[in-house]
Amino acid sequence: MAEIVNLRRVRKDKARRDRESEADANRQRFGRTKAEKIADKDAETRARRSLDGKQLEPDKP
């Protein structure tokens, strides 16, 4: 025999899982301190500057 399932409970559980996954994504995106954001921005700037300094320029004919 098949298991009896309460569809209302299944719907609510699915909605709860969806909300939790969205909240987790928002925590990853927005849950950082100002100092962490500044440090990441500075690291990205240093890396870009370093790569730009190592770029070879094309030879002029």
PDB file of N, CA and C in Angstrom:
ATOM      1  N   MET A   1       0.840  -1.179   0.000  1.00  0.00           N
ATOM      2  CA  MET A   1       0.000   0.000   0.000  1.00  0.00           C
ATOM      3  C   MET A   1       0.887   1.245   0.000  1.00  0.00           C
ATOM      4  N   ALA A   2       0.345   2.260  -0.525  1.00  0.00           N
ATOM      5  CA  ALA A   2       1.063   3.531  -0.586  1.00  0.00           C
ATOM      6  C   ALA A   2       0.925   4.271   0.735  1.00  0.00           C
ATOM      7  N   GLU A   3       1.896   5.095   0.991  1.00  0.00           N
ATOM      8  CA  GLU A   3       1.876   5.890   2.220  1.00  0.00           C
ATOM      9  C   GLU A   3       0.924   7.069   2.041  1.00  0.00           C
ATOM     10  N   ILE A   4       0.136   7.346   3.044  1.00  0.00           N
ATOM     11  CA  ILE A   4      -0.797   8.464   2.993  1.00  0.00           C
ATOM     12  C   ILE A   4      -0.014   9.751   3.262  1.00  0.00           C
ATOM     13  N   VAL A   5      -0.227  10.754   2.403  1.00  0.00           N
ATOM     14  CA  VAL A   5       0.522  12.003   2.479  1.00  0.00           C
ATOM     15  C   VAL A   5      -0.454  13.151   2.636  1.00  0.00           C
ATOM     16  N   ASN A   6      -0.167  14.018   3.587  1.00  0.00           N
ATOM     17  CA  ASN A   6      -0.959  15.222   3.776  1.00  0.00           C
ATOM     18  C   ASN A   6      -0.396  16.289   2.831  1.00  0.00           C
ATOM     19  N   LEU A   7      -1.148  16.628   1.781  1.00  0.00           N
ATOM     20  CA  LEU A   7      -0.652  17.540   0.759  1.00  0.00           C
ATOM     21  C   LEU A   7      -0.399  18.943   1.308  1.00  0.00           C
ATOM     22  N   ARG A   8      -1.202  19.365   2.253  1.00  0.00           N
ATOM     23  CA  ARG A   8      -1.002  20.685   2.845  1.00  0.00           C
ATOM     24  C   ARG A   8       0.347  20.743   3.546  1.00  0.00           C
ATOM     25  N   ARG A   9       0.677  19.690   4.294  1.00  0.00           N
ATOM     26  CA  ARG A   9       1.956  19.645   5.003  1.00  0.00           C
ATOM     27  C   ARG A   9       3.128  19.604   4.018  1.00  0.00           C
ATOM     28  N   VAL A  10       2.974  18.868   2.933  1.00  0.00           N
ATOM     29  CA  VAL A  10       4.026  18.786   1.913  1.00  0.00           C
ATOM     30  C   VAL A  10       4.252  20.157   1.289  1.00  0.00           C
ATOM     31  N   ARG A  11       3.160  20.861   0.982  1.00  0.00           N
ATOM     32  CA  ARG A  11       3.269  22.201   0.404  1.00  0.00           C
ATOM     33  C   ARG A  11       3.979  23.146   1.362  1.00  0.00           C
ATOM     34  N   LYS A  12       3.605  23.108   2.627  1.00  0.00           N
ATOM     35  CA  LYS A  12       4.224  23.987   3.624  1.00  0.00           C
ATOM     36  C   LYS A  12       5.702  23.654   3.808  1.00  0.00           C
ATOM     37  N   ASP A  13       6.052  22.370   3.811  1.00  0.00           N
ATOM     38  CA  ASP A  13       7.452  21.968   3.941  1.00  0.00           C
ATOM     39  C   ASP A  13       8.278  22.451   2.754  1.00  0.00           C
ATOM     40  N   LYS A  14       7.704  22.357   1.558  1.00  0.00           N
ATOM     41  CA  LYS A  14       8.417  22.828   0.369  1.00  0.00           C
ATOM     42  C   LYS A  14       8.610  24.334   0.437  1.00  0.00           C
ATOM     43  N   ALA A  15       7.600  25.078   0.846  1.00  0.00           N
ATOM     44  CA  ALA A  15       7.721  26.524   0.973  1.00  0.00           C
ATOM     45  C   ALA A  15       8.772  26.892   2.015  1.00  0.00           C
ATOM     46  N   ARG A  16       8.812  26.151   3.110  1.00  0.00           N
ATOM     47  CA  ARG A  16       9.799  26.402   4.158  1.00  0.00           C
ATOM     48  C   ARG A  16      11.214  26.167   3.632  1.00  0.00           C
ATOM     49  N   ARG A  17      11.413  25.087   2.879  1.00  0.00           N
ATOM     50  CA  ARG A  17      12.738  24.802   2.304  1.00  0.00           C
ATOM     51  C   ARG A  17      13.148  25.895   1.324  1.00  0.00           C
ATOM     52  N   ASP A  18      12.191  26.377   0.518  1.00  0.00           N
ATOM     53  CA  ASP A  18      12.489  27.445  -0.439  1.00  0.00           C
ATOM     54  C   ASP A  18      12.900  28.721   0.283  1.00  0.00           C
ATOM     55  N   ARG A  19      12.177  29.076   1.337  1.00  0.00           N
ATOM     56  CA  ARG A  19      12.518  30.281   2.102  1.00  0.00           C
ATOM     57  C   ARG A  19      13.888  30.156   2.749  1.00  0.00           C
ATOM     58  N   GLU A  20      14.194  28.961   3.278  1.00  0.00           N
ATOM     59  CA  GLU A  20      15.487  28.752   3.918  1.00  0.00           C
ATOM     60  C   GLU A  20      16.630  28.853   2.914  1.00  0.00           C
ATOM     61  N   SER A  21      16.446  28.321   1.721  1.00  0.00           N
ATOM     62  CA  SER A  21      17.514  28.405   0.723  1.00  0.00           C
ATOM     63  C   SER A  21      17.707  29.846   0.260  1.00  0.00           C
ATOM     64  N   GLU A  22      16.627  30.596   0.130  1.00  0.00           N
ATOM     65  CA  GLU A  22      16.743  32.005  -0.249  1.00  0.00           C
ATOM     66  C   GLU A  22      17.428  32.804   0.853  1.00  0.00           C
ATOM     67  N   ALA A  23      17.093  32.511   2.106  1.00  0.00           N
ATOM     68  CA  ALA A  23      17.725  33.200   3.229  1.00  0.00           C
ATOM     69  C   ALA A  23      19.217  32.892   3.279  1.00  0.00           C
ATOM     70  N   ASP A  24      19.588  31.659   2.991  1.00  0.00           N
ATOM     71  CA  ASP A  24      21.005  31.292   2.982  1.00  0.00           C
ATOM     72  C   ASP A  24      21.747  32.059   1.895  1.00  0.00           C
ATOM     73  N   ALA A  25      21.135  32.175   0.720  1.00  0.00           N
ATOM     74  CA  ALA A  25      21.761  32.923  -0.370  1.00  0.00           C
ATOM     75  C   ALA A  25      21.923  34.392   0.014  1.00  0.00           C
ATOM     76  N   ASN A  26      20.925  34.967   0.660  1.00  0.00           N
ATOM     77  CA  ASN A  26      21.010  36.367   1.086  1.00  0.00           C
ATOM     78  C   ASN A  26      22.077  36.548   2.162  1.00  0.00           C
ATOM     79  N   ARG A  27      22.208  35.574   3.050  1.00  0.00           N
ATOM     80  CA  ARG A  27      23.262  35.676   4.071  1.00  0.00           C
ATOM     81  C   ARG A  27      24.631  35.675   3.422  1.00  0.00           C
ATOM     82  N   GLN A  28      24.810  34.866   2.398  1.00  0.00           N
ATOM     83  CA  GLN A  28      26.092  34.823   1.704  1.00  0.00           C
ATOM     84  C   GLN A  28      26.368  36.137   0.981  1.00  0.00           C
ATOM     85  N   ARG A  29      25.328  36.725   0.400  1.00  0.00           N
ATOM     86  CA  ARG A  29      25.518  37.933  -0.395  1.00  0.00           C
ATOM     87  C   ARG A  29      25.648  39.184   0.455  1.00  0.00           C
ATOM     88  N   PHE A  30      24.833  39.323   1.489  1.00  0.00           N
ATOM     89  CA  PHE A  30      24.767  40.572   2.228  1.00  0.00           C
ATOM     90  C   PHE A  30      25.301  40.484   3.656  1.00  0.00           C
ATOM     91  N   GLY A  31      25.650  39.309   4.132  1.00  0.00           N
ATOM     92  CA  GLY A  31      26.001  39.142   5.531  1.00  0.00           C
ATOM     93  C   GLY A  31      27.461  39.357   5.841  1.00  0.00           C
ATOM     94  N   ARG A  32      28.092  40.348   5.222  1.00  0.00           N
ATOM     95  CA  ARG A  32      29.503  40.609   5.480  1.00  0.00           C
ATOM     96  C   ARG A  32      29.657  41.980   6.117  1.00  0.00           C
ATOM     97  N   THR A  33      30.709  42.125   6.899  1.00  0.00           N
ATOM     98  CA  THR A  33      30.951  43.412   7.550  1.00  0.00           C
ATOM     99  C   THR A  33      31.570  44.381   6.552  1.00  0.00           C
ATOM    100  N   LYS A  34      31.565  45.638   6.917  1.00  0.00           N
ATOM    101  CA  LYS A  34      32.138  46.660   6.056  1.00  0.00           C
ATOM    102  C   LYS A  34      33.635  46.421   5.862  1.00  0.00           C
ATOM    103  N   ALA A  35      34.310  46.009   6.913  1.00  0.00           N
ATOM    104  CA  ALA A  35      35.750  45.743   6.835  1.00  0.00           C
ATOM    105  C   ALA A  35      36.041  44.601   5.856  1.00  0.00           C
ATOM    106  N   GLU A  36      35.207  43.563   5.864  1.00  0.00           N
ATOM    107  CA  GLU A  36      35.398  42.450   4.931  1.00  0.00           C
ATOM    108  C   GLU A  36      35.196  42.902   3.495  1.00  0.00           C
ATOM    109  N   LYS A  37      34.201  43.737   3.263  1.00  0.00           N
ATOM    110  CA  LYS A  37      33.956  44.246   1.918  1.00  0.00           C
ATOM    111  C   LYS A  37      35.128  45.083   1.427  1.00  0.00           C
ATOM    112  N   ILE A  38      35.653  45.961   2.303  1.00  0.00           N
ATOM    113  CA  ILE A  38      36.780  46.814   1.927  1.00  0.00           C
ATOM    114  C   ILE A  38      38.021  45.972   1.665  1.00  0.00           C
ATOM    115  N   ALA A  39      38.268  44.966   2.488  1.00  0.00           N
ATOM    116  CA  ALA A  39      39.429  44.100   2.308  1.00  0.00           C
ATOM    117  C   ALA A  39      39.338  43.352   0.980  1.00  0.00           C
ATOM    118  N   ASP A  40      38.170  42.853   0.633  1.00  0.00           N
ATOM    119  CA  ASP A  40      37.992  42.151  -0.638  1.00  0.00           C
ATOM    120  C   ASP A  40      38.203  43.099  -1.822  1.00  0.00           C
ATOM    121  N   LYS A  41      37.692  44.307  -1.705  1.00  0.00           N
ATOM    122  CA  LYS A  41      37.849  45.284  -2.779  1.00  0.00           C
ATOM    123  C   LYS A  41      39.318  45.652  -2.955  1.00  0.00           C
ATOM    124  N   ASP A  42      40.038  45.842  -1.853  1.00  0.00           N
ATOM    125  CA  ASP A  42      41.463  46.163  -1.924  1.00  0.00           C
ATOM    126  C   ASP A  42      42.260  45.017  -2.536  1.00  0.00           C
ATOM    127  N   ALA A  43      41.935  43.786  -2.158  1.00  0.00           N
ATOM    128  CA  ALA A  43      42.637  42.627  -2.716  1.00  0.00           C
ATOM    129  C   ALA A  43      42.391  42.529  -4.219  1.00  0.00           C
ATOM    130  N   GLU A  44      41.182  42.780  -4.653  1.00  0.00           N
ATOM    131  CA  GLU A  44      40.864  42.732  -6.077  1.00  0.00           C
ATOM    132  C   GLU A  44      41.623  43.820  -6.831  1.00  0.00           C
ATOM    133  N   THR A  45      41.701  45.020  -6.250  1.00  0.00           N
ATOM    134  CA  THR A  45      42.424  46.123  -6.873  1.00  0.00           C
ATOM    135  C   THR A  45      43.907  45.794  -6.992  1.00  0.00           C
ATOM    136  N   ARG A  46      44.497  45.232  -5.931  1.00  0.00           N
ATOM    137  CA  ARG A  46      45.916  44.868  -5.971  1.00  0.00           C
ATOM    138  C   ARG A  46      46.174  43.804  -7.032  1.00  0.00           C
ATOM    139  N   ALA A  47      45.313  42.816  -7.119  1.00  0.00           N
ATOM    140  CA  ALA A  47      45.483  41.755  -8.103  1.00  0.00           C
ATOM    141  C   ALA A  47      45.372  42.305  -9.517  1.00  0.00           C
ATOM    142  N   ARG A  48      44.411  43.171  -9.760  1.00  0.00           N
ATOM    143  CA  ARG A  48      44.242  43.755 -11.086  1.00  0.00           C
ATOM    144  C   ARG A  48      45.447  44.601 -11.456  1.00  0.00           C
ATOM    145  N   ARG A  49      45.930  45.399 -10.501  1.00  0.00           N
ATOM    146  CA  ARG A  49      47.087  46.248 -10.745  1.00  0.00           C
ATOM    147  C   ARG A  49      48.322  45.395 -11.048  1.00  0.00           C
ATOM    148  N   SER A  50      48.477  44.302 -10.322  1.00  0.00           N
ATOM    149  CA  SER A  50      49.612  43.412 -10.534  1.00  0.00           C
ATOM    150  C   SER A  50      49.563  42.789 -11.924  1.00  0.00           C
ATOM    151  N   LEU A  51      48.401  42.334 -12.345  1.00  0.00           N
ATOM    152  CA  LEU A  51      48.266  41.736 -13.673  1.00  0.00           C
ATOM    153  C   LEU A  51      48.477  42.767 -14.779  1.00  0.00           C
ATOM    154  N   ASP A  52      47.989  43.979 -14.586  1.00  0.00           N
ATOM    155  CA  ASP A  52      48.169  45.022 -15.593  1.00  0.00           C
ATOM    156  C   ASP A  52      49.642  45.378 -15.741  1.00  0.00           C
ATOM    157  N   GLY A  53      50.386  45.335 -14.653  1.00  0.00           N
ATOM    158  CA  GLY A  53      51.810  45.648 -14.705  1.00  0.00           C
ATOM    159  C   GLY A  53      52.619  44.579 -15.412  1.00  0.00           C
ATOM    160  N   LYS A  54      52.119  43.358 -15.482  1.00  0.00           N
ATOM    161  CA  LYS A  54      52.833  42.249 -16.115  1.00  0.00           C
ATOM    162  C   LYS A  54      52.407  42.012 -17.555  1.00  0.00           C
ATOM    163  N   GLN A  55      51.516  42.845 -18.054  1.00  0.00           N
ATOM    164  CA  GLN A  55      50.999  42.663 -19.406  1.00  0.00           C
ATOM    165  C   GLN A  55      52.069  43.056 -20.417  1.00  0.00           C
ATOM    166  N   LEU A  56      52.258  42.229 -21.418  1.00  0.00           N
ATOM    167  CA  LEU A  56      53.201  42.530 -22.486  1.00  0.00           C
ATOM    168  C   LEU A  56      52.532  43.437 -23.493  1.00  0.00           C
ATOM    169  N   GLU A  57      53.286  44.415 -23.950  1.00  0.00           N
ATOM    170  CA  GLU A  57      52.739  45.333 -24.935  1.00  0.00           C
ATOM    171  C   GLU A  57      53.140  44.847 -26.326  1.00  0.00           C
ATOM    172  N   PRO A  58      52.274  45.020 -27.292  1.00  0.00           N
ATOM    173  CA  PRO A  58      52.600  44.562 -28.654  1.00  0.00           C
ATOM    174  C   PRO A  58      53.770  45.355 -29.241  1.00  0.00           C
ATOM    175  N   ASP A  59      54.583  44.698 -30.084  1.00  0.00           N
ATOM    176  CA  ASP A  59      55.710  45.353 -30.733  1.00  0.00           C
ATOM    177  C   ASP A  59      55.199  46.328 -31.784  1.00  0.00           C
ATOM    178  N   LYS A  60      55.890  47.433 -31.911  1.00  0.00           N
ATOM    179  CA  LYS A  60      55.505  48.417 -32.939  1.00  0.00           C
ATOM    180  C   LYS A  60      56.324  48.144 -34.190  1.00  0.00           C
ATOM    181  N   PRO A  61      55.688  48.104 -35.389  1.00  0.00           N
ATOM    182  CA  PRO A  61      56.431  47.799 -36.636  1.00  0.00           C
ATOM    183  C   PRO A  61      57.288  48.939 -37.124  1.00  0.00           C
TER     184      PRO A  61
END
